[in-house]
């Protein structure tokens, strides 16, 4: 019974990986195809939620929460560093839906779950 769940998780990861790579390839080859790219991004997130899988932190940061597009700097997003109240932040803005994502920029890297 445990093997079946493991295989389903592996298959979901493979599907999510394929959708991410397809979305990024389509975006870089034809920048005007926003609908198909956002569809791939939304499908990838839905597959992850349905299979109850965690998307990698770096991968998750490259997907817009508003429109589901894969964010590529200079193509459909801007990246800036801001300092507010002594805290540095990385601000990523989607140029399609104007959704803003803010990430802390720490001097010491944060520990991920399961790391000591």
PDB file of N, CA and C in Angstrom:
ATOM      1  N   UNK A   1       0.815  -1.185   0.000  1.00  0.00           N
ATOM      2  CA  UNK A   1       0.000   0.000   0.000  1.00  0.00           C
ATOM      3  C   UNK A   1       0.865   1.257   0.000  1.00  0.00           C
ATOM      4  N   UNK A   2       2.003   1.226   0.671  1.00  0.00           N
ATOM      5  CA  UNK A   2       2.886   2.376   0.718  1.00  0.00           C
ATOM      6  C   UNK A   2       3.524   2.674  -0.626  1.00  0.00           C
ATOM      7  N   UNK A   3       3.814   1.625  -1.391  1.00  0.00           N
ATOM      8  CA  UNK A   3       4.454   1.823  -2.686  1.00  0.00           C
ATOM      9  C   UNK A   3       3.535   2.543  -3.660  1.00  0.00           C
ATOM     10  N   UNK A   4       2.256   2.247  -3.589  1.00  0.00           N
ATOM     11  CA  UNK A   4       1.315   2.871  -4.511  1.00  0.00           C
ATOM     12  C   UNK A   4       1.287   4.386  -4.297  1.00  0.00           C
ATOM     13  N   UNK A   5       1.247   4.821  -3.042  1.00  0.00           N
ATOM     14  CA  UNK A   5       1.253   6.248  -2.745  1.00  0.00           C
ATOM     15  C   UNK A   5       2.542   6.910  -3.193  1.00  0.00           C
ATOM     16  N   UNK A   6       3.656   6.205  -3.034  1.00  0.00           N
ATOM     17  CA  UNK A   6       4.947   6.752  -3.448  1.00  0.00           C
ATOM     18  C   UNK A   6       4.990   6.922  -4.964  1.00  0.00           C
ATOM     19  N   UNK A   7       4.452   5.951  -5.692  1.00  0.00           N
ATOM     20  CA  UNK A   7       4.445   6.050  -7.152  1.00  0.00           C
ATOM     21  C   UNK A   7       3.540   7.177  -7.624  1.00  0.00           C
ATOM     22  N   UNK A   8       2.413   7.378  -6.956  1.00  0.00           N
ATOM     23  CA  UNK A   8       1.527   8.467  -7.340  1.00  0.00           C
ATOM     24  C   UNK A   8       2.202   9.815  -7.113  1.00  0.00           C
ATOM     25  N   UNK A   9       2.942   9.946  -6.004  1.00  0.00           N
ATOM     26  CA  UNK A   9       3.661  11.182  -5.737  1.00  0.00           C
ATOM     27  C   UNK A   9       4.745  11.434  -6.767  1.00  0.00           C
ATOM     28  N   UNK A  10       5.443  10.383  -7.158  1.00  0.00           N
ATOM     29  CA  UNK A  10       6.506  10.508  -8.154  1.00  0.00           C
ATOM     30  C   UNK A  10       5.928  10.917  -9.504  1.00  0.00           C
ATOM     31  N   UNK A  11       4.802  10.317  -9.857  1.00  0.00           N
ATOM     32  CA  UNK A  11       4.154  10.668 -11.125  1.00  0.00           C
ATOM     33  C   UNK A  11       3.695  12.125 -11.114  1.00  0.00           C
ATOM     34  N   UNK A  12       3.154  12.573  -9.986  1.00  0.00           N
ATOM     35  CA  UNK A  12       2.710  13.963  -9.884  1.00  0.00           C
ATOM     36  C   UNK A  12       3.898  14.918 -10.003  1.00  0.00           C
ATOM     37  N   UNK A  13       5.024  14.574  -9.366  1.00  0.00           N
ATOM     38  CA  UNK A  13       6.216  15.409  -9.485  1.00  0.00           C
ATOM     39  C   UNK A  13       6.689  15.479 -10.928  1.00  0.00           C
ATOM     40  N   UNK A  14       6.656  14.362 -11.630  1.00  0.00           N
ATOM     41  CA  UNK A  14       7.071  14.351 -13.033  1.00  0.00           C
ATOM     42  C   UNK A  14       6.147  15.214 -13.891  1.00  0.00           C
ATOM     43  N   UNK A  15       4.846  15.136 -13.640  1.00  0.00           N
ATOM     44  CA  UNK A  15       3.887  15.947 -14.402  1.00  0.00           C
ATOM     45  C   UNK A  15       4.090  17.430 -14.122  1.00  0.00           C
ATOM     46  N   UNK A  16       4.305  17.758 -12.836  1.00  0.00           N
ATOM     47  CA  UNK A  16       4.530  19.156 -12.469  1.00  0.00           C
ATOM     48  C   UNK A  16       5.817  19.681 -13.111  1.00  0.00           C
ATOM     49  N   UNK A  17       6.856  18.870 -13.110  1.00  0.00           N
ATOM     50  CA  UNK A  17       8.126  19.258 -13.712  1.00  0.00           C
ATOM     51  C   UNK A  17       7.961  19.495 -15.213  1.00  0.00           C
ATOM     52  N   UNK A  18       7.236  18.592 -15.884  1.00  0.00           N
ATOM     53  CA  UNK A  18       7.008  18.744 -17.320  1.00  0.00           C
ATOM     54  C   UNK A  18       6.235  20.030 -17.615  1.00  0.00           C
ATOM     55  N   UNK A  19       5.173  20.300 -16.842  1.00  0.00           N
ATOM     56  CA  UNK A  19       4.373  21.503 -17.077  1.00  0.00           C
ATOM     57  C   UNK A  19       5.197  22.770 -16.862  1.00  0.00           C
ATOM     58  N   UNK A  20       6.044  22.774 -15.841  1.00  0.00           N
ATOM     59  CA  UNK A  20       6.882  23.947 -15.581  1.00  0.00           C
ATOM     60  C   UNK A  20       7.856  24.176 -16.737  1.00  0.00           C
ATOM     61  N   UNK A  21       8.510  23.109 -17.183  1.00  0.00           N
ATOM     62  CA  UNK A  21       9.461  23.241 -18.285  1.00  0.00           C
ATOM     63  C   UNK A  21       8.763  23.649 -19.574  1.00  0.00           C
ATOM     64  N   UNK A  22       7.573  23.105 -19.813  1.00  0.00           N
ATOM     65  CA  UNK A  22       6.820  23.468 -21.019  1.00  0.00           C
ATOM     66  C   UNK A  22       6.417  24.938 -20.973  1.00  0.00           C
ATOM     67  N   UNK A  23       5.954  25.402 -19.816  1.00  0.00           N
ATOM     68  CA  UNK A  23       5.542  26.800 -19.683  1.00  0.00           C
ATOM     69  C   UNK A  23       6.722  27.738 -19.908  1.00  0.00           C
ATOM     70  N   UNK A  24       7.859  27.400 -19.340  1.00  0.00           N
ATOM     71  CA  UNK A  24       9.034  28.262 -19.490  1.00  0.00           C
ATOM     72  C   UNK A  24       9.528  28.271 -20.936  1.00  0.00           C
ATOM     73  N   UNK A  25       9.506  27.119 -21.588  1.00  0.00           N
ATOM     74  CA  UNK A  25       9.945  27.032 -22.980  1.00  0.00           C
ATOM     75  C   UNK A  25       9.018  27.825 -23.900  1.00  0.00           C
ATOM     76  N   UNK A  26       7.715  27.674 -23.708  1.00  0.00           N
ATOM     77  CA  UNK A  26       6.748  28.404 -24.538  1.00  0.00           C
ATOM     78  C   UNK A  26       6.906  29.903 -24.324  1.00  0.00           C
ATOM     79  N   UNK A  27       7.099  30.316 -23.079  1.00  0.00           N
ATOM     80  CA  UNK A  27       7.238  31.741 -22.778  1.00  0.00           C
ATOM     81  C   UNK A  27       8.484  32.333 -23.430  1.00  0.00           C
ATOM     82  N   UNK A  28       9.594  31.618 -23.375  1.00  0.00           N
ATOM     83  CA  UNK A  28      10.836  32.143 -23.943  1.00  0.00           C
ATOM     84  C   UNK A  28      10.828  32.131 -25.466  1.00  0.00           C
ATOM     85  N   UNK A  29      10.135  31.154 -26.079  1.00  0.00           N
ATOM     86  CA  UNK A  29      10.108  31.068 -27.539  1.00  0.00           C
ATOM     87  C   UNK A  29       9.075  31.988 -28.167  1.00  0.00           C
ATOM     88  N   UNK A  30       7.938  32.180 -27.519  1.00  0.00           N
ATOM     89  CA  UNK A  30       6.918  33.092 -28.044  1.00  0.00           C
ATOM     90  C   UNK A  30       6.317  33.875 -26.880  1.00  0.00           C
ATOM     91  N   UNK A  31       6.863  35.063 -26.601  1.00  0.00           N
ATOM     92  CA  UNK A  31       6.451  35.836 -25.426  1.00  0.00           C
ATOM     93  C   UNK A  31       4.990  36.286 -25.427  1.00  0.00           C
ATOM     94  N   UNK A  32       4.291  36.222 -26.549  1.00  0.00           N
ATOM     95  CA  UNK A  32       2.900  36.681 -26.603  1.00  0.00           C
ATOM     96  C   UNK A  32       1.889  35.602 -26.239  1.00  0.00           C
ATOM     97  N   UNK A  33       2.340  34.423 -25.863  1.00  0.00           N
ATOM     98  CA  UNK A  33       1.428  33.317 -25.555  1.00  0.00           C
ATOM     99  C   UNK A  33       1.187  33.226 -24.047  1.00  0.00           C
ATOM    100  N   UNK A  34       0.598  34.273 -23.480  1.00  0.00           N
ATOM    101  CA  UNK A  34       0.394  34.332 -22.029  1.00  0.00           C
ATOM    102  C   UNK A  34      -0.681  33.364 -21.557  1.00  0.00           C
ATOM    103  N   UNK A  35      -1.700  33.124 -22.370  1.00  0.00           N
ATOM    104  CA  UNK A  35      -2.802  32.253 -21.940  1.00  0.00           C
ATOM    105  C   UNK A  35      -2.340  30.822 -21.703  1.00  0.00           C
ATOM    106  N   UNK A  36      -1.570  30.281 -22.613  1.00  0.00           N
ATOM    107  CA  UNK A  36      -1.131  28.887 -22.474  1.00  0.00           C
ATOM    108  C   UNK A  36      -0.133  28.753 -21.326  1.00  0.00           C
ATOM    109  N   UNK A  37       0.716  29.762 -21.135  1.00  0.00           N
ATOM    110  CA  UNK A  37       1.698  29.722 -20.048  1.00  0.00           C
ATOM    111  C   UNK A  37       0.999  29.764 -18.697  1.00  0.00           C
ATOM    112  N   UNK A  38       0.003  30.629 -18.553  1.00  0.00           N
ATOM    113  CA  UNK A  38      -0.717  30.703 -17.277  1.00  0.00           C
ATOM    114  C   UNK A  38      -1.543  29.436 -17.047  1.00  0.00           C
ATOM    115  N   UNK A  39      -2.045  28.827 -18.116  1.00  0.00           N
ATOM    116  CA  UNK A  39      -2.785  27.567 -17.973  1.00  0.00           C
ATOM    117  C   UNK A  39      -1.866  26.463 -17.454  1.00  0.00           C
ATOM    118  N   UNK A  40      -0.665  26.366 -18.017  1.00  0.00           N
ATOM    119  CA  UNK A  40       0.305  25.370 -17.548  1.00  0.00           C
ATOM    120  C   UNK A  40       0.674  25.609 -16.083  1.00  0.00           C
ATOM    121  N   UNK A  41       0.879  26.866 -15.727  1.00  0.00           N
ATOM    122  CA  UNK A  41       1.237  27.190 -14.342  1.00  0.00           C
ATOM    123  C   UNK A  41       0.129  26.837 -13.362  1.00  0.00           C
ATOM    124  N   UNK A  42      -1.114  27.168 -13.728  1.00  0.00           N
ATOM    125  CA  UNK A  42      -2.249  26.845 -12.844  1.00  0.00           C
ATOM    126  C   UNK A  42      -2.448  25.338 -12.737  1.00  0.00           C
ATOM    127  N   UNK A  43      -2.272  24.619 -13.845  1.00  0.00           N
ATOM    128  CA  UNK A  43      -2.392  23.153 -13.803  1.00  0.00           C
ATOM    129  C   UNK A  43      -1.322  22.545 -12.908  1.00  0.00           C
ATOM    130  N   UNK A  44      -0.117  23.083 -12.962  1.00  0.00           N
ATOM    131  CA  UNK A  44       0.962  22.571 -12.125  1.00  0.00           C
ATOM    132  C   UNK A  44       0.624  22.733 -10.644  1.00  0.00           C
ATOM    133  N   UNK A  45       0.114  23.890 -10.263  1.00  0.00           N
ATOM    134  CA  UNK A  45      -0.244  24.135  -8.863  1.00  0.00           C
ATOM    135  C   UNK A  45      -1.404  23.236  -8.443  1.00  0.00           C
ATOM    136  N   UNK A  46      -2.384  23.049  -9.328  1.00  0.00           N
ATOM    137  CA  UNK A  46      -3.527  22.181  -9.002  1.00  0.00           C
ATOM    138  C   UNK A  46      -3.095  20.738  -8.797  1.00  0.00           C
ATOM    139  N   UNK A  47      -2.178  20.256  -9.625  1.00  0.00           N
ATOM    140  CA  UNK A  47      -1.683  18.882  -9.473  1.00  0.00           C
ATOM    141  C   UNK A  47      -0.985  18.728  -8.128  1.00  0.00           C
ATOM    142  N   UNK A  48      -0.190  19.723  -7.758  1.00  0.00           N
ATOM    143  CA  UNK A  48       0.501  19.677  -6.475  1.00  0.00           C
ATOM    144  C   UNK A  48      -0.462  19.681  -5.304  1.00  0.00           C
ATOM    145  N   UNK A  49      -1.525  20.474  -5.396  1.00  0.00           N
ATOM    146  CA  UNK A  49      -2.509  20.525  -4.308  1.00  0.00           C
ATOM    147  C   UNK A  49      -3.303  19.230  -4.221  1.00  0.00           C
ATOM    148  N   UNK A  50      -3.669  18.687  -5.367  1.00  0.00           N
ATOM    149  CA  UNK A  50      -4.466  17.462  -5.353  1.00  0.00           C
ATOM    150  C   UNK A  50      -3.672  16.287  -4.796  1.00  0.00           C
ATOM    151  N   UNK A  51      -2.388  16.206  -5.120  1.00  0.00           N
ATOM    152  CA  UNK A  51      -1.551  15.113  -4.631  1.00  0.00           C
ATOM    153  C   UNK A  51      -0.946  15.418  -3.262  1.00  0.00           C
ATOM    154  N   UNK A  52      -1.245  16.602  -2.716  1.00  0.00           N
ATOM    155  CA  UNK A  52      -0.732  17.073  -1.421  1.00  0.00           C
ATOM    156  C   UNK A  52       0.798  16.989  -1.413  1.00  0.00           C
ATOM    157  N   UNK A  53       1.407  17.672  -2.377  1.00  0.00           N
ATOM    158  CA  UNK A  53       2.859  17.714  -2.503  1.00  0.00           C
ATOM    159  C   UNK A  53       3.341  19.144  -2.321  1.00  0.00           C
ATOM    160  N   UNK A  54       4.509  19.287  -1.761  1.00  0.00           N
ATOM    161  CA  UNK A  54       5.107  20.606  -1.597  1.00  0.00           C
ATOM    162  C   UNK A  54       5.934  20.940  -2.839  1.00  0.00           C
ATOM    163  N   UNK A  55       5.684  22.119  -3.381  1.00  0.00           N
ATOM    164  CA  UNK A  55       6.486  22.608  -4.490  1.00  0.00           C
ATOM    165  C   UNK A  55       7.748  23.223  -3.894  1.00  0.00           C
ATOM    166  N   UNK A  56       8.883  23.006  -4.541  1.00  0.00           N
ATOM    167  CA  UNK A  56      10.148  23.542  -4.064  1.00  0.00           C
ATOM    168  C   UNK A  56      10.060  25.061  -3.919  1.00  0.00           C
ATOM    169  N   UNK A  57      10.717  25.599  -2.886  1.00  0.00           N
ATOM    170  CA  UNK A  57      10.629  27.023  -2.572  1.00  0.00           C
ATOM    171  C   UNK A  57      11.096  27.885  -3.739  1.00  0.00           C
ATOM    172  N   UNK A  58      12.197  27.529  -4.366  1.00  0.00           N
ATOM    173  CA  UNK A  58      12.707  28.324  -5.484  1.00  0.00           C
ATOM    174  C   UNK A  58      11.774  28.259  -6.692  1.00  0.00           C
ATOM    175  N   UNK A  59      11.165  27.116  -6.901  1.00  0.00           N
ATOM    176  CA  UNK A  59      10.227  26.957  -8.009  1.00  0.00           C
ATOM    177  C   UNK A  59       8.933  27.721  -7.735  1.00  0.00           C
ATOM    178  N   UNK A  60       8.495  27.690  -6.495  1.00  0.00           N
ATOM    179  CA  UNK A  60       7.256  28.360  -6.113  1.00  0.00           C
ATOM    180  C   UNK A  60       7.372  29.876  -6.265  1.00  0.00           C
ATOM    181  N   UNK A  61       8.567  30.394  -6.058  1.00  0.00           N
ATOM    182  CA  UNK A  61       8.777  31.837  -6.176  1.00  0.00           C
ATOM    183  C   UNK A  61       8.706  32.319  -7.614  1.00  0.00           C
ATOM    184  N   UNK A  62       8.806  31.423  -8.576  1.00  0.00           N
ATOM    185  CA  UNK A  62       8.781  31.830  -9.979  1.00  0.00           C
ATOM    186  C   UNK A  62       7.401  31.689 -10.605  1.00  0.00           C
ATOM    187  N   UNK A  63       6.377  31.438  -9.791  1.00  0.00           N
ATOM    188  CA  UNK A  63       5.013  31.328 -10.302  1.00  0.00           C
ATOM    189  C   UNK A  63       4.178  32.452  -9.700  1.00  0.00           C
ATOM    190  N   UNK A  64       3.492  33.206 -10.541  1.00  0.00           N
ATOM    191  CA  UNK A  64       2.661  34.314 -10.080  1.00  0.00           C
ATOM    192  C   UNK A  64       1.401  33.770  -9.409  1.00  0.00           C
ATOM    193  N   UNK A  65       1.076  34.317  -8.237  1.00  0.00           N
ATOM    194  CA  UNK A  65      -0.128  33.877  -7.539  1.00  0.00           C
ATOM    195  C   UNK A  65      -1.389  34.454  -8.174  1.00  0.00           C
ATOM    196  N   UNK A  66      -1.259  35.571  -8.878  1.00  0.00           N
ATOM    197  CA  UNK A  66      -2.425  36.204  -9.468  1.00  0.00           C
ATOM    198  C   UNK A  66      -2.891  35.538 -10.747  1.00  0.00           C
ATOM    199  N   UNK A  67      -1.972  35.379 -11.694  1.00  0.00           N
ATOM    200  CA  UNK A  67      -2.369  34.859 -13.004  1.00  0.00           C
ATOM    201  C   UNK A  67      -1.823  33.464 -13.293  1.00  0.00           C
ATOM    202  N   UNK A  68      -0.902  32.957 -12.482  1.00  0.00           N
ATOM    203  CA  UNK A  68      -0.374  31.612 -12.684  1.00  0.00           C
ATOM    204  C   UNK A  68       0.756  31.528 -13.687  1.00  0.00           C
ATOM    205  N   UNK A  69       1.214  32.661 -14.196  1.00  0.00           N
ATOM    206  CA  UNK A  69       2.304  32.662 -15.170  1.00  0.00           C
ATOM    207  C   UNK A  69       3.626  32.301 -14.527  1.00  0.00           C
ATOM    208  N   UNK A  70       4.524  31.743 -15.322  1.00  0.00           N
ATOM    209  CA  UNK A  70       5.894  31.513 -14.874  1.00  0.00           C
ATOM    210  C   UNK A  70       6.624  32.844 -15.027  1.00  0.00           C
ATOM    211  N   UNK A  71       7.214  33.332 -13.947  1.00  0.00           N
ATOM    212  CA  UNK A  71       7.858  34.640 -13.958  1.00  0.00           C
ATOM    213  C   UNK A  71       9.308  34.514 -14.409  1.00  0.00           C
ATOM    214  N   UNK A  72       9.627  35.192 -15.500  1.00  0.00           N
ATOM    215  CA  UNK A  72      10.991  35.250 -16.016  1.00  0.00           C
ATOM    216  C   UNK A  72      11.396  36.717 -16.013  1.00  0.00           C
ATOM    217  N   UNK A  73      12.475  37.020 -15.312  1.00  0.00           N
ATOM    218  CA  UNK A  73      12.922  38.400 -15.179  1.00  0.00           C
ATOM    219  C   UNK A  73      13.259  38.990 -16.542  1.00  0.00           C
ATOM    220  N   UNK A  74      12.709  40.170 -16.804  1.00  0.00           N
ATOM    221  CA  UNK A  74      12.967  40.852 -18.064  1.00  0.00           C
ATOM    222  C   UNK A  74      11.973  40.523 -19.152  1.00  0.00           C
ATOM    223  N   UNK A  75      11.278  39.402 -19.031  1.00  0.00           N
ATOM    224  CA  UNK A  75      10.292  39.019 -20.038  1.00  0.00           C
ATOM    225  C   UNK A  75       8.896  39.413 -19.568  1.00  0.00           C
ATOM    226  N   UNK A  76       8.504  38.936 -18.388  1.00  0.00           N
ATOM    227  CA  UNK A  76       7.172  39.266 -17.878  1.00  0.00           C
ATOM    228  C   UNK A  76       7.188  39.625 -16.393  1.00  0.00           C
ATOM    229  N   UNK A  77       8.367  39.937 -15.850  1.00  0.00           N
ATOM    230  CA  UNK A  77       8.436  40.358 -14.446  1.00  0.00           C
ATOM    231  C   UNK A  77       9.643  41.259 -14.224  1.00  0.00           C
ATOM    232  N   UNK A  78       9.563  42.051 -13.149  1.00  0.00           N
ATOM    233  CA  UNK A  78      10.688  42.874 -12.735  1.00  0.00           C
ATOM    234  C   UNK A  78      11.086  42.469 -11.327  1.00  0.00           C
ATOM    235  N   UNK A  79      12.372  42.553 -11.040  1.00  0.00           N
ATOM    236  CA  UNK A  79      12.892  42.207  -9.718  1.00  0.00           C
ATOM    237  C   UNK A  79      13.650  43.413  -9.190  1.00  0.00           C
ATOM    238  N   UNK A  80      13.321  43.809  -7.963  1.00  0.00           N
ATOM    239  CA  UNK A  80      13.983  44.951  -7.337  1.00  0.00           C
ATOM    240  C   UNK A  80      14.318  44.634  -5.902  1.00  0.00           C
ATOM    241  N   UNK A  81      15.308  45.334  -5.383  1.00  0.00           N
ATOM    242  CA  UNK A  81      15.641  45.224  -3.967  1.00  0.00           C
ATOM    243  C   UNK A  81      15.173  46.494  -3.282  1.00  0.00           C
ATOM    244  N   UNK A  82      14.451  46.333  -2.195  1.00  0.00           N
ATOM    245  CA  UNK A  82      13.944  47.463  -1.428  1.00  0.00           C
ATOM    246  C   UNK A  82      14.395  47.338   0.012  1.00  0.00           C
ATOM    247  N   UNK A  83      14.520  48.484   0.655  1.00  0.00           N
ATOM    248  CA  UNK A  83      14.884  48.501   2.063  1.00  0.00           C
ATOM    249  C   UNK A  83      13.822  49.305   2.795  1.00  0.00           C
ATOM    250  N   UNK A  84      13.160  48.663   3.750  1.00  0.00           N
ATOM    251  CA  UNK A  84      12.107  49.316   4.508  1.00  0.00           C
ATOM    252  C   UNK A  84      12.293  48.975   5.980  1.00  0.00           C
ATOM    253  N   UNK A  85      12.443  49.996   6.792  1.00  0.00           N
ATOM    254  CA  UNK A  85      12.642  49.832   8.235  1.00  0.00           C
ATOM    255  C   UNK A  85      13.841  48.940   8.539  1.00  0.00           C
ATOM    256  N   UNK A  86      14.906  49.135   7.789  1.00  0.00           N
ATOM    257  CA  UNK A  86      16.129  48.382   8.034  1.00  0.00           C
ATOM    258  C   UNK A  86      16.128  46.957   7.516  1.00  0.00           C
ATOM    259  N   UNK A  87      15.040  46.536   6.905  1.00  0.00           N
ATOM    260  CA  UNK A  87      14.950  45.172   6.381  1.00  0.00           C
ATOM    261  C   UNK A  87      15.017  45.206   4.865  1.00  0.00           C
ATOM    262  N   UNK A  88      15.872  44.372   4.333  1.00  0.00           N
ATOM    263  CA  UNK A  88      15.976  44.280   2.878  1.00  0.00           C
ATOM    264  C   UNK A  88      14.981  43.256   2.363  1.00  0.00           C
ATOM    265  N   UNK A  89      14.390  43.579   1.226  1.00  0.00           N
ATOM    266  CA  UNK A  89      13.427  42.680   0.603  1.00  0.00           C
ATOM    267  C   UNK A  89      13.666  42.629  -0.892  1.00  0.00           C
ATOM    268  N   UNK A  90      13.340  41.495  -1.447  1.00  0.00           N
ATOM    269  CA  UNK A  90      13.349  41.341  -2.895  1.00  0.00           C
ATOM    270  C   UNK A  90      11.896  41.441  -3.343  1.00  0.00           C
ATOM    271  N   UNK A  91      11.610  42.375  -4.231  1.00  0.00           N
ATOM    272  CA  UNK A  91      10.246  42.610  -4.699  1.00  0.00           C
ATOM    273  C   UNK A  91      10.153  42.171  -6.155  1.00  0.00           C
ATOM    274  N   UNK A  92       9.271  41.208  -6.414  1.00  0.00           N
ATOM    275  CA  UNK A  92       9.053  40.695  -7.766  1.00  0.00           C
ATOM    276  C   UNK A  92       7.661  41.130  -8.203  1.00  0.00           C
ATOM    277  N   UNK A  93       7.572  41.810  -9.343  1.00  0.00           N
ATOM    278  CA  UNK A  93       6.295  42.300  -9.850  1.00  0.00           C
ATOM    279  C   UNK A  93       5.980  41.633 -11.180  1.00  0.00           C
ATOM    280  N   UNK A  94       4.801  41.037 -11.271  1.00  0.00           N
ATOM    281  CA  UNK A  94       4.335  40.453 -12.526  1.00  0.00           C
ATOM    282  C   UNK A  94       3.850  41.590 -13.421  1.00  0.00           C
ATOM    283  N   UNK A  95       4.332  41.648 -14.644  1.00  0.00           N
ATOM    284  CA  UNK A  95       3.959  42.726 -15.552  1.00  0.00           C
ATOM    285  C   UNK A  95       2.599  42.512 -16.203  1.00  0.00           C
ATOM    286  N   UNK A  96       2.040  41.314 -16.092  1.00  0.00           N
ATOM    287  CA  UNK A  96       0.740  41.037 -16.706  1.00  0.00           C
ATOM    288  C   UNK A  96      -0.415  41.424 -15.788  1.00  0.00           C
ATOM    289  N   UNK A  97      -0.346  41.005 -14.526  1.00  0.00           N
ATOM    290  CA  UNK A  97      -1.462  41.271 -13.609  1.00  0.00           C
ATOM    291  C   UNK A  97      -1.079  42.229 -12.487  1.00  0.00           C
ATOM    292  N   UNK A  98       0.158  42.707 -12.482  1.00  0.00           N
ATOM    293  CA  UNK A  98       0.672  43.651 -11.484  1.00  0.00           C
ATOM    294  C   UNK A  98       0.661  43.104 -10.057  1.00  0.00           C
ATOM    295  N   UNK A  99       0.702  41.793  -9.900  1.00  0.00           N
ATOM    296  CA  UNK A  99       0.794  41.186  -8.575  1.00  0.00           C
ATOM    297  C   UNK A  99       2.223  41.345  -8.069  1.00  0.00           C
ATOM    298  N   UNK A 100       2.349  41.709  -6.792  1.00  0.00           N
ATOM    299  CA  UNK A 100       3.656  41.937  -6.189  1.00  0.00           C
ATOM    300  C   UNK A 100       3.935  40.838  -5.179  1.00  0.00           C
ATOM    301  N   UNK A 101       5.137  40.267  -5.253  1.00  0.00           N
ATOM    302  CA  UNK A 101       5.583  39.274  -4.268  1.00  0.00           C
ATOM    303  C   UNK A 101       6.806  39.845  -3.570  1.00  0.00           C
ATOM    304  N   UNK A 102       6.830  39.738  -2.238  1.00  0.00           N
ATOM    305  CA  UNK A 102       7.959  40.244  -1.461  1.00  0.00           C
ATOM    306  C   UNK A 102       8.608  39.091  -0.712  1.00  0.00           C
ATOM    307  N   UNK A 103       9.927  39.007  -0.809  1.00  0.00           N
ATOM    308  CA  UNK A 103      10.676  37.957  -0.131  1.00  0.00           C
ATOM    309  C   UNK A 103      11.755  38.598   0.720  1.00  0.00           C
ATOM    310  N   UNK A 104      11.958  38.103   1.937  1.00  0.00           N
ATOM    311  CA  UNK A 104      13.023  38.668   2.771  1.00  0.00           C
ATOM    312  C   UNK A 104      14.394  38.298   2.218  1.00  0.00           C
ATOM    313  N   UNK A 105      15.302  39.234   2.325  1.00  0.00           N
ATOM    314  CA  UNK A 105      16.685  38.972   1.910  1.00  0.00           C
ATOM    315  C   UNK A 105      17.528  38.987   3.170  1.00  0.00           C
ATOM    316  N   UNK A 106      17.832  37.810   3.666  1.00  0.00           N
ATOM    317  CA  UNK A 106      18.577  37.675   4.907  1.00  0.00           C
ATOM    318  C   UNK A 106      20.058  37.515   4.628  1.00  0.00           C
ATOM    319  N   UNK A 107      20.870  37.963   5.589  1.00  0.00           N
ATOM    320  CA  UNK A 107      22.307  37.743   5.477  1.00  0.00           C
ATOM    321  C   UNK A 107      22.628  36.272   5.700  1.00  0.00           C
ATOM    322  N   UNK A 108      21.939  35.668   6.669  1.00  0.00           N
ATOM    323  CA  UNK A 108      22.121  34.254   6.967  1.00  0.00           C
ATOM    324  C   UNK A 108      20.981  33.495   6.304  1.00  0.00           C
ATOM    325  N   UNK A 109      21.270  32.484   5.474  1.00  0.00           N
ATOM    326  CA  UNK A 109      20.184  31.756   4.817  1.00  0.00           C
ATOM    327  C   UNK A 109      19.305  31.023   5.824  1.00  0.00           C
ATOM    328  N   UNK A 110      18.008  31.013   5.540  1.00  0.00           N
ATOM    329  CA  UNK A 110      17.058  30.336   6.420  1.00  0.00           C
ATOM    330  C   UNK A 110      17.213  28.831   6.299  1.00  0.00           C
ATOM    331  N   UNK A 111      16.941  28.138   7.399  1.00  0.00           N
ATOM    332  CA  UNK A 111      16.976  26.682   7.379  1.00  0.00           C
ATOM    333  C   UNK A 111      15.636  26.171   6.882  1.00  0.00           C
ATOM    334  N   UNK A 112      15.692  25.191   6.029  1.00  0.00           N
ATOM    335  CA  UNK A 112      14.481  24.574   5.519  1.00  0.00           C
ATOM    336  C   UNK A 112      14.010  23.511   6.490  1.00  0.00           C
ATOM    337  N   UNK A 113      12.802  23.056   6.299  1.00  0.00           N
ATOM    338  CA  UNK A 113      12.280  21.990   7.150  1.00  0.00           C
ATOM    339  C   UNK A 113      13.133  20.745   7.003  1.00  0.00           C
ATOM    340  N   UNK A 114      13.419  20.118   8.121  1.00  0.00           N
ATOM    341  CA  UNK A 114      14.185  18.886   8.095  1.00  0.00           C
ATOM    342  C   UNK A 114      15.689  19.090   8.109  1.00  0.00           C
ATOM    343  N   UNK A 115      16.148  20.334   8.059  1.00  0.00           N
ATOM    344  CA  UNK A 115      17.581  20.598   8.115  1.00  0.00           C
ATOM    345  C   UNK A 115      17.970  21.006   9.522  1.00  0.00           C
ATOM    346  N   UNK A 116      19.193  20.664   9.896  1.00  0.00           N
ATOM    347  CA  UNK A 116      19.683  21.051  11.228  1.00  0.00           C
ATOM    348  C   UNK A 116      20.860  21.976  11.113  1.00  0.00           C
TER     349      UNK A 116
END
